[in-house]
Amino acid sequence: MVSNQGGEGDTQMKIKVVVHKAEEGGYWAEVPAIPGCATEGDTFEELLKNLHEAVEGCLSVDVKDITSAGTDQIVEIAI
């Protein structure tokens, strides 16, 4: 589930992830709202860091492949 909770001007998106303990140690996680988005980490803190990077990577779009008309704008937002 993806939700944007917060007050006016809040640009953080909240995404639910499923965290698993890895058999060999450490953790791995998957993001059900973003098919194919998963990562791992030796510690829970490393997993959280890697999750931020994985979600950002899964949601990124290569802007050079986008065509736009003269009146269109390309805007970058923070999640």
PDB file of N, CA and C in Angstrom:
ATOM      1  N   MET A   1       0.845  -1.180   0.000  1.00  0.00           N
ATOM      2  CA  MET A   1       0.000   0.000   0.000  1.00  0.00           C
ATOM      3  C   MET A   1       0.885   1.235   0.000  1.00  0.00           C
ATOM      4  N   VAL A   2       0.559   2.181  -0.819  1.00  0.00           N
ATOM      5  CA  VAL A   2       1.286   3.435  -0.903  1.00  0.00           C
ATOM      6  C   VAL A   2       0.347   4.536  -0.436  1.00  0.00           C
ATOM      7  N   SER A   3       0.827   5.381   0.460  1.00  0.00           N
ATOM      8  CA  SER A   3      -0.016   6.489   0.906  1.00  0.00           C
ATOM      9  C   SER A   3       0.840   7.714   1.146  1.00  0.00           C
ATOM     10  N   ASN A   4       0.236   8.861   1.018  1.00  0.00           N
ATOM     11  CA  ASN A   4       0.895  10.122   1.324  1.00  0.00           C
ATOM     12  C   ASN A   4       0.144  10.718   2.488  1.00  0.00           C
ATOM     13  N   GLN A   5       0.674  10.535   3.678  1.00  0.00           N
ATOM     14  CA  GLN A   5       0.016  11.044   4.875  1.00  0.00           C
ATOM     15  C   GLN A   5       0.809  12.213   5.405  1.00  0.00           C
ATOM     16  N   GLY A   6       0.137  13.194   5.869  1.00  0.00           N
ATOM     17  CA  GLY A   6       0.832  14.332   6.445  1.00  0.00           C
ATOM     18  C   GLY A   6       0.113  15.613   6.119  1.00  0.00           C
ATOM     19  N   GLY A   7       0.676  16.676   6.608  1.00  0.00           N
ATOM     20  CA  GLY A   7       0.068  17.983   6.432  1.00  0.00           C
ATOM     21  C   GLY A   7       0.377  18.568   5.081  1.00  0.00           C
ATOM     22  N   GLU A   8      -0.142  19.753   4.893  1.00  0.00           N
ATOM     23  CA  GLU A   8       0.072  20.474   3.652  1.00  0.00           C
ATOM     24  C   GLU A   8       1.565  20.734   3.467  1.00  0.00           C
ATOM     25  N   GLY A   9       2.082  20.480   2.287  1.00  0.00           N
ATOM     26  CA  GLY A   9       3.496  20.680   2.019  1.00  0.00           C
ATOM     27  C   GLY A   9       4.353  19.468   2.358  1.00  0.00           C
ATOM     28  N   ASP A  10       3.771  18.416   2.927  1.00  0.00           N
ATOM     29  CA  ASP A  10       4.499  17.201   3.253  1.00  0.00           C
ATOM     30  C   ASP A  10       4.667  16.397   1.975  1.00  0.00           C
ATOM     31  N   THR A  11       5.913  16.130   1.578  1.00  0.00           N
ATOM     32  CA  THR A  11       6.149  15.433   0.327  1.00  0.00           C
ATOM     33  C   THR A  11       6.645  14.011   0.529  1.00  0.00           C
ATOM     34  N   GLN A  12       6.598  13.494   1.741  1.00  0.00           N
ATOM     35  CA  GLN A  12       7.058  12.134   1.964  1.00  0.00           C
ATOM     36  C   GLN A  12       5.943  11.146   1.676  1.00  0.00           C
ATOM     37  N   MET A  13       6.291  10.094   0.952  1.00  0.00           N
ATOM     38  CA  MET A  13       5.365   9.030   0.635  1.00  0.00           C
ATOM     39  C   MET A  13       5.676   7.855   1.559  1.00  0.00           C
ATOM     40  N   LYS A  14       4.643   7.221   2.080  1.00  0.00           N
ATOM     41  CA  LYS A  14       4.835   6.051   2.931  1.00  0.00           C
ATOM     42  C   LYS A  14       4.472   4.812   2.137  1.00  0.00           C
ATOM     43  N   ILE A  15       5.375   3.834   2.137  1.00  0.00           N
ATOM     44  CA  ILE A  15       5.183   2.605   1.386  1.00  0.00           C
ATOM     45  C   ILE A  15       5.370   1.426   2.339  1.00  0.00           C
ATOM     46  N   LYS A  16       4.419   0.504   2.345  1.00  0.00           N
ATOM     47  CA  LYS A  16       4.544  -0.676   3.194  1.00  0.00           C
ATOM     48  C   LYS A  16       5.475  -1.679   2.532  1.00  0.00           C
ATOM     49  N   VAL A  17       6.358  -2.276   3.353  1.00  0.00           N
ATOM     50  CA  VAL A  17       7.280  -3.295   2.875  1.00  0.00           C
ATOM     51  C   VAL A  17       7.141  -4.529   3.761  1.00  0.00           C
ATOM     52  N   VAL A  18       7.493  -5.673   3.209  1.00  0.00           N
ATOM     53  CA  VAL A  18       7.492  -6.918   3.962  1.00  0.00           C
ATOM     54  C   VAL A  18       8.953  -7.268   4.234  1.00  0.00           C
ATOM     55  N   VAL A  19       9.311  -7.340   5.526  1.00  0.00           N
ATOM     56  CA  VAL A  19      10.691  -7.623   5.933  1.00  0.00           C
ATOM     57  C   VAL A  19      10.780  -9.076   6.375  1.00  0.00           C
ATOM     58  N   HIS A  20      11.786  -9.781   5.847  1.00  0.00           N
ATOM     59  CA  HIS A  20      12.015 -11.183   6.174  1.00  0.00           C
ATOM     60  C   HIS A  20      13.395 -11.334   6.804  1.00  0.00           C
ATOM     61  N   LYS A  21      13.527 -12.260   7.742  1.00  0.00           N
ATOM     62  CA  LYS A  21      14.853 -12.628   8.235  1.00  0.00           C
ATOM     63  C   LYS A  21      15.425 -13.631   7.248  1.00  0.00           C
ATOM     64  N   ALA A  22      16.634 -13.374   6.793  1.00  0.00           N
ATOM     65  CA  ALA A  22      17.279 -14.266   5.835  1.00  0.00           C
ATOM     66  C   ALA A  22      17.847 -15.481   6.560  1.00  0.00           C
ATOM     67  N   GLU A  23      17.745 -16.654   5.956  1.00  0.00           N
ATOM     68  CA  GLU A  23      18.246 -17.886   6.564  1.00  0.00           C
ATOM     69  C   GLU A  23      19.738 -17.811   6.838  1.00  0.00           C
ATOM     70  N   GLU A  24      20.479 -17.153   5.967  1.00  0.00           N
ATOM     71  CA  GLU A  24      21.931 -17.055   6.114  1.00  0.00           C
ATOM     72  C   GLU A  24      22.355 -15.892   7.008  1.00  0.00           C
ATOM     73  N   GLY A  25      21.388 -15.204   7.567  1.00  0.00           N
ATOM     74  CA  GLY A  25      21.660 -14.042   8.415  1.00  0.00           C
ATOM     75  C   GLY A  25      21.262 -12.764   7.712  1.00  0.00           C
ATOM     76  N   GLY A  26      20.993 -11.752   8.478  1.00  0.00           N
ATOM     77  CA  GLY A  26      20.580 -10.479   7.909  1.00  0.00           C
ATOM     78  C   GLY A  26      19.103 -10.485   7.568  1.00  0.00           C
ATOM     79  N   TYR A  27      18.727  -9.576   6.680  1.00  0.00           N
ATOM     80  CA  TYR A  27      17.323  -9.380   6.331  1.00  0.00           C
ATOM     81  C   TYR A  27      17.187  -9.173   4.830  1.00  0.00           C
ATOM     82  N   TRP A  28      15.993  -9.442   4.332  1.00  0.00           N
ATOM     83  CA  TRP A  28      15.640  -9.039   2.976  1.00  0.00           C
ATOM     84  C   TRP A  28      14.217  -8.528   3.012  1.00  0.00           C
ATOM     85  N   ALA A  29      13.876  -7.676   2.054  1.00  0.00           N
ATOM     86  CA  ALA A  29      12.551  -7.057   2.051  1.00  0.00           C
ATOM     87  C   ALA A  29      12.050  -6.910   0.622  1.00  0.00           C
ATOM     88  N   GLU A  30      10.731  -6.899   0.524  1.00  0.00           N
ATOM     89  CA  GLU A  30      10.083  -6.687  -0.772  1.00  0.00           C
ATOM     90  C   GLU A  30       9.008  -5.620  -0.614  1.00  0.00           C
ATOM     91  N   VAL A  31       8.729  -4.923  -1.712  1.00  0.00           N
ATOM     92  CA  VAL A  31       7.746  -3.841  -1.714  1.00  0.00           C
ATOM     93  C   VAL A  31       6.574  -4.284  -2.585  1.00  0.00           C
ATOM     94  N   PRO A  32       5.502  -4.793  -1.967  1.00  0.00           N
ATOM     95  CA  PRO A  32       4.379  -5.318  -2.757  1.00  0.00           C
ATOM     96  C   PRO A  32       3.760  -4.311  -3.727  1.00  0.00           C
ATOM     97  N   ALA A  33       3.765  -3.031  -3.389  1.00  0.00           N
ATOM     98  CA  ALA A  33       3.167  -2.010  -4.254  1.00  0.00           C
ATOM     99  C   ALA A  33       4.002  -1.742  -5.502  1.00  0.00           C
ATOM    100  N   ILE A  34       5.261  -2.208  -5.509  1.00  0.00           N
ATOM    101  CA  ILE A  34       6.150  -1.983  -6.656  1.00  0.00           C
ATOM    102  C   ILE A  34       6.693  -3.350  -7.073  1.00  0.00           C
ATOM    103  N   PRO A  35       6.050  -4.026  -8.013  1.00  0.00           N
ATOM    104  CA  PRO A  35       6.498  -5.360  -8.421  1.00  0.00           C
ATOM    105  C   PRO A  35       7.977  -5.392  -8.801  1.00  0.00           C
ATOM    106  N   GLY A  36       8.683  -6.375  -8.268  1.00  0.00           N
ATOM    107  CA  GLY A  36      10.095  -6.537  -8.570  1.00  0.00           C
ATOM    108  C   GLY A  36      11.025  -5.724  -7.696  1.00  0.00           C
ATOM    109  N   CYS A  37      10.478  -4.916  -6.807  1.00  0.00           N
ATOM    110  CA  CYS A  37      11.308  -4.073  -5.941  1.00  0.00           C
ATOM    111  C   CYS A  37      11.613  -4.835  -4.654  1.00  0.00           C
ATOM    112  N   ALA A  38      12.882  -5.216  -4.479  1.00  0.00           N
ATOM    113  CA  ALA A  38      13.319  -5.960  -3.302  1.00  0.00           C
ATOM    114  C   ALA A  38      14.784  -5.637  -3.040  1.00  0.00           C
ATOM    115  N   THR A  39      15.218  -5.857  -1.800  1.00  0.00           N
ATOM    116  CA  THR A  39      16.615  -5.616  -1.436  1.00  0.00           C
ATOM    117  C   THR A  39      16.948  -6.407  -0.188  1.00  0.00           C
ATOM    118  N   GLU A  40      18.208  -6.321   0.243  1.00  0.00           N
ATOM    119  CA  GLU A  40      18.639  -7.022   1.442  1.00  0.00           C
ATOM    120  C   GLU A  40      19.661  -6.199   2.199  1.00  0.00           C
ATOM    121  N   GLY A  41      19.963  -6.633   3.432  1.00  0.00           N
ATOM    122  CA  GLY A  41      20.972  -5.961   4.237  1.00  0.00           C
ATOM    123  C   GLY A  41      21.429  -6.866   5.363  1.00  0.00           C
ATOM    124  N   ASP A  42      22.680  -6.707   5.764  1.00  0.00           N
ATOM    125  CA  ASP A  42      23.226  -7.515   6.852  1.00  0.00           C
ATOM    126  C   ASP A  42      22.616  -7.135   8.195  1.00  0.00           C
ATOM    127  N   THR A  43      22.260  -5.858   8.357  1.00  0.00           N
ATOM    128  CA  THR A  43      21.613  -5.372   9.579  1.00  0.00           C
ATOM    129  C   THR A  43      20.297  -4.707   9.184  1.00  0.00           C
ATOM    130  N   PHE A  44      19.437  -4.482  10.168  1.00  0.00           N
ATOM    131  CA  PHE A  44      18.164  -3.827   9.887  1.00  0.00           C
ATOM    132  C   PHE A  44      18.399  -2.400   9.393  1.00  0.00           C
ATOM    133  N   GLU A  45      19.387  -1.719   9.965  1.00  0.00           N
ATOM    134  CA  GLU A  45      19.700  -0.349   9.541  1.00  0.00           C
ATOM    135  C   GLU A  45      20.173  -0.325   8.092  1.00  0.00           C
ATOM    136  N   GLU A  46      21.008  -1.296   7.714  1.00  0.00           N
ATOM    137  CA  GLU A  46      21.475  -1.372   6.329  1.00  0.00           C
ATOM    138  C   GLU A  46      20.312  -1.688   5.394  1.00  0.00           C
ATOM    139  N   LEU A  47      19.405  -2.554   5.838  1.00  0.00           N
ATOM    140  CA  LEU A  47      18.224  -2.879   5.047  1.00  0.00           C
ATOM    141  C   LEU A  47      17.399  -1.625   4.771  1.00  0.00           C
ATOM    142  N   LEU A  48      17.173  -0.800   5.794  1.00  0.00           N
ATOM    143  CA  LEU A  48      16.395   0.428   5.610  1.00  0.00           C
ATOM    144  C   LEU A  48      17.056   1.365   4.605  1.00  0.00           C
ATOM    145  N   LYS A  49      18.368   1.516   4.690  1.00  0.00           N
ATOM    146  CA  LYS A  49      19.102   2.357   3.735  1.00  0.00           C
ATOM    147  C   LYS A  49      18.933   1.804   2.317  1.00  0.00           C
ATOM    148  N   ASN A  50      19.106   0.489   2.198  1.00  0.00           N
ATOM    149  CA  ASN A  50      18.984  -0.147   0.884  1.00  0.00           C
ATOM    150  C   ASN A  50      17.558  -0.055   0.348  1.00  0.00           C
ATOM    151  N   LEU A  51      16.567  -0.114   1.233  1.00  0.00           N
ATOM    152  CA  LEU A  51      15.171   0.019   0.800  1.00  0.00           C
ATOM    153  C   LEU A  51      14.914   1.380   0.181  1.00  0.00           C
ATOM    154  N   HIS A  52      15.428   2.435   0.808  1.00  0.00           N
ATOM    155  CA  HIS A  52      15.252   3.775   0.240  1.00  0.00           C
ATOM    156  C   HIS A  52      15.844   3.840  -1.163  1.00  0.00           C
ATOM    157  N   GLU A  53      17.044   3.289  -1.325  1.00  0.00           N
ATOM    158  CA  GLU A  53      17.696   3.304  -2.637  1.00  0.00           C
ATOM    159  C   GLU A  53      16.930   2.453  -3.646  1.00  0.00           C
ATOM    160  N   ALA A  54      16.432   1.293  -3.208  1.00  0.00           N
ATOM    161  CA  ALA A  54      15.705   0.399  -4.116  1.00  0.00           C
ATOM    162  C   ALA A  54      14.410   1.038  -4.596  1.00  0.00           C
ATOM    163  N   VAL A  55      13.648   1.636  -3.683  1.00  0.00           N
ATOM    164  CA  VAL A  55      12.386   2.269  -4.063  1.00  0.00           C
ATOM    165  C   VAL A  55      12.651   3.436  -5.005  1.00  0.00           C
ATOM    166  N   GLU A  56      13.649   4.237  -4.687  1.00  0.00           N
ATOM    167  CA  GLU A  56      13.988   5.361  -5.563  1.00  0.00           C
ATOM    168  C   GLU A  56      14.352   4.859  -6.956  1.00  0.00           C
ATOM    169  N   GLY A  57      15.149   3.801  -7.014  1.00  0.00           N
ATOM    170  CA  GLY A  57      15.555   3.238  -8.302  1.00  0.00           C
ATOM    171  C   GLY A  57      14.385   2.650  -9.071  1.00  0.00           C
ATOM    172  N   CYS A  58      13.496   1.951  -8.374  1.00  0.00           N
ATOM    173  CA  CYS A  58      12.337   1.345  -9.031  1.00  0.00           C
ATOM    174  C   CYS A  58      11.359   2.385  -9.563  1.00  0.00           C
ATOM    175  N   LEU A  59      11.286   3.536  -8.914  1.00  0.00           N
ATOM    176  CA  LEU A  59      10.347   4.571  -9.328  1.00  0.00           C
ATOM    177  C   LEU A  59      10.953   5.595 -10.285  1.00  0.00           C
ATOM    178  N   SER A  60      12.252   5.517 -10.527  1.00  0.00           N
ATOM    179  CA  SER A  60      12.893   6.522 -11.384  1.00  0.00           C
ATOM    180  C   SER A  60      12.566   6.261 -12.848  1.00  0.00           C
ATOM    181  N   VAL A  61      12.544   7.326 -13.608  1.00  0.00           N
ATOM    182  CA  VAL A  61      12.272   7.270 -15.034  1.00  0.00           C
ATOM    183  C   VAL A  61      13.386   8.024 -15.733  1.00  0.00           C
ATOM    184  N   ASP A  62      13.874   7.484 -16.819  1.00  0.00           N
ATOM    185  CA  ASP A  62      14.917   8.158 -17.576  1.00  0.00           C
ATOM    186  C   ASP A  62      14.291   9.282 -18.385  1.00  0.00           C
ATOM    187  N   VAL A  63      14.528  10.514 -17.956  1.00  0.00           N
ATOM    188  CA  VAL A  63      13.880  11.678 -18.550  1.00  0.00           C
ATOM    189  C   VAL A  63      14.263  11.875 -20.015  1.00  0.00           C
ATOM    190  N   LYS A  64      15.438  11.438 -20.442  1.00  0.00           N
ATOM    191  CA  LYS A  64      15.850  11.668 -21.826  1.00  0.00           C
ATOM    192  C   LYS A  64      14.984  10.901 -22.824  1.00  0.00           C
ATOM    193  N   ASP A  65      14.251   9.867 -22.352  1.00  0.00           N
ATOM    194  CA  ASP A  65      13.397   9.093 -23.240  1.00  0.00           C
ATOM    195  C   ASP A  65      11.980   9.643 -23.332  1.00  0.00           C
ATOM    196  N   ILE A  66      11.694  10.718 -22.625  1.00  0.00           N
ATOM    197  CA  ILE A  66      10.357  11.290 -22.613  1.00  0.00           C
ATOM    198  C   ILE A  66      10.279  12.406 -23.648  1.00  0.00           C
ATOM    199  N   THR A  67       9.233  12.359 -24.482  1.00  0.00           N
ATOM    200  CA  THR A  67       9.022  13.451 -25.437  1.00  0.00           C
ATOM    201  C   THR A  67       7.949  14.363 -24.875  1.00  0.00           C
ATOM    202  N   SER A  68       8.110  15.639 -25.099  1.00  0.00           N
ATOM    203  CA  SER A  68       7.140  16.593 -24.573  1.00  0.00           C
ATOM    204  C   SER A  68       6.923  17.715 -25.580  1.00  0.00           C
ATOM    205  N   ALA A  69       5.751  18.314 -25.464  1.00  0.00           N
ATOM    206  CA  ALA A  69       5.425  19.464 -26.303  1.00  0.00           C
ATOM    207  C   ALA A  69       6.058  20.705 -25.689  1.00  0.00           C
ATOM    208  N   GLY A  70       6.074  21.783 -26.403  1.00  0.00           N
ATOM    209  CA  GLY A  70       6.679  23.021 -25.931  1.00  0.00           C
ATOM    210  C   GLY A  70       6.051  23.577 -24.663  1.00  0.00           C
ATOM    211  N   THR A  71       4.803  23.241 -24.394  1.00  0.00           N
ATOM    212  CA  THR A  71       4.130  23.768 -23.214  1.00  0.00           C
ATOM    213  C   THR A  71       4.214  22.817 -22.020  1.00  0.00           C
ATOM    214  N   ASP A  72       4.777  21.611 -22.207  1.00  0.00           N
ATOM    215  CA  ASP A  72       4.898  20.628 -21.124  1.00  0.00           C
ATOM    216  C   ASP A  72       6.074  20.979 -20.215  1.00  0.00           C
ATOM    217  N   GLN A  73       5.975  20.509 -18.975  1.00  0.00           N
ATOM    218  CA  GLN A  73       7.062  20.706 -18.023  1.00  0.00           C
ATOM    219  C   GLN A  73       7.487  19.365 -17.459  1.00  0.00           C
ATOM    220  N   ILE A  74       8.762  19.197 -17.174  1.00  0.00           N
ATOM    221  CA  ILE A  74       9.250  18.025 -16.478  1.00  0.00           C
ATOM    222  C   ILE A  74       9.605  18.471 -15.079  1.00  0.00           C
ATOM    223  N   VAL A  75       8.965  17.843 -14.074  1.00  0.00           N
ATOM    224  CA  VAL A  75       9.108  18.250 -12.690  1.00  0.00           C
ATOM    225  C   VAL A  75       9.634  17.071 -11.868  1.00  0.00           C
ATOM    226  N   GLU A  76      10.585  17.324 -10.995  1.00  0.00           N
ATOM    227  CA  GLU A  76      11.116  16.298 -10.096  1.00  0.00           C
ATOM    228  C   GLU A  76      10.495  16.489  -8.717  1.00  0.00           C
ATOM    229  N   ILE A  77       9.982  15.398  -8.139  1.00  0.00           N
ATOM    230  CA  ILE A  77       9.383  15.480  -6.804  1.00  0.00           C
ATOM    231  C   ILE A  77      10.132  14.577  -5.850  1.00  0.00           C
ATOM    232  N   ALA A  78      10.091  14.868  -4.558  1.00  0.00           N
ATOM    233  CA  ALA A  78      10.733  14.056  -3.532  1.00  0.00           C
ATOM    234  C   ALA A  78       9.703  13.123  -2.915  1.00  0.00           C
ATOM    235  N   ILE A  79      10.125  11.902  -2.607  1.00  0.00           N
ATOM    236  CA  ILE A  79       9.224  10.977  -1.910  1.00  0.00           C
ATOM    237  C   ILE A  79       9.842  10.588  -0.582  1.00  0.00           C
TER     238      ILE A  79
END
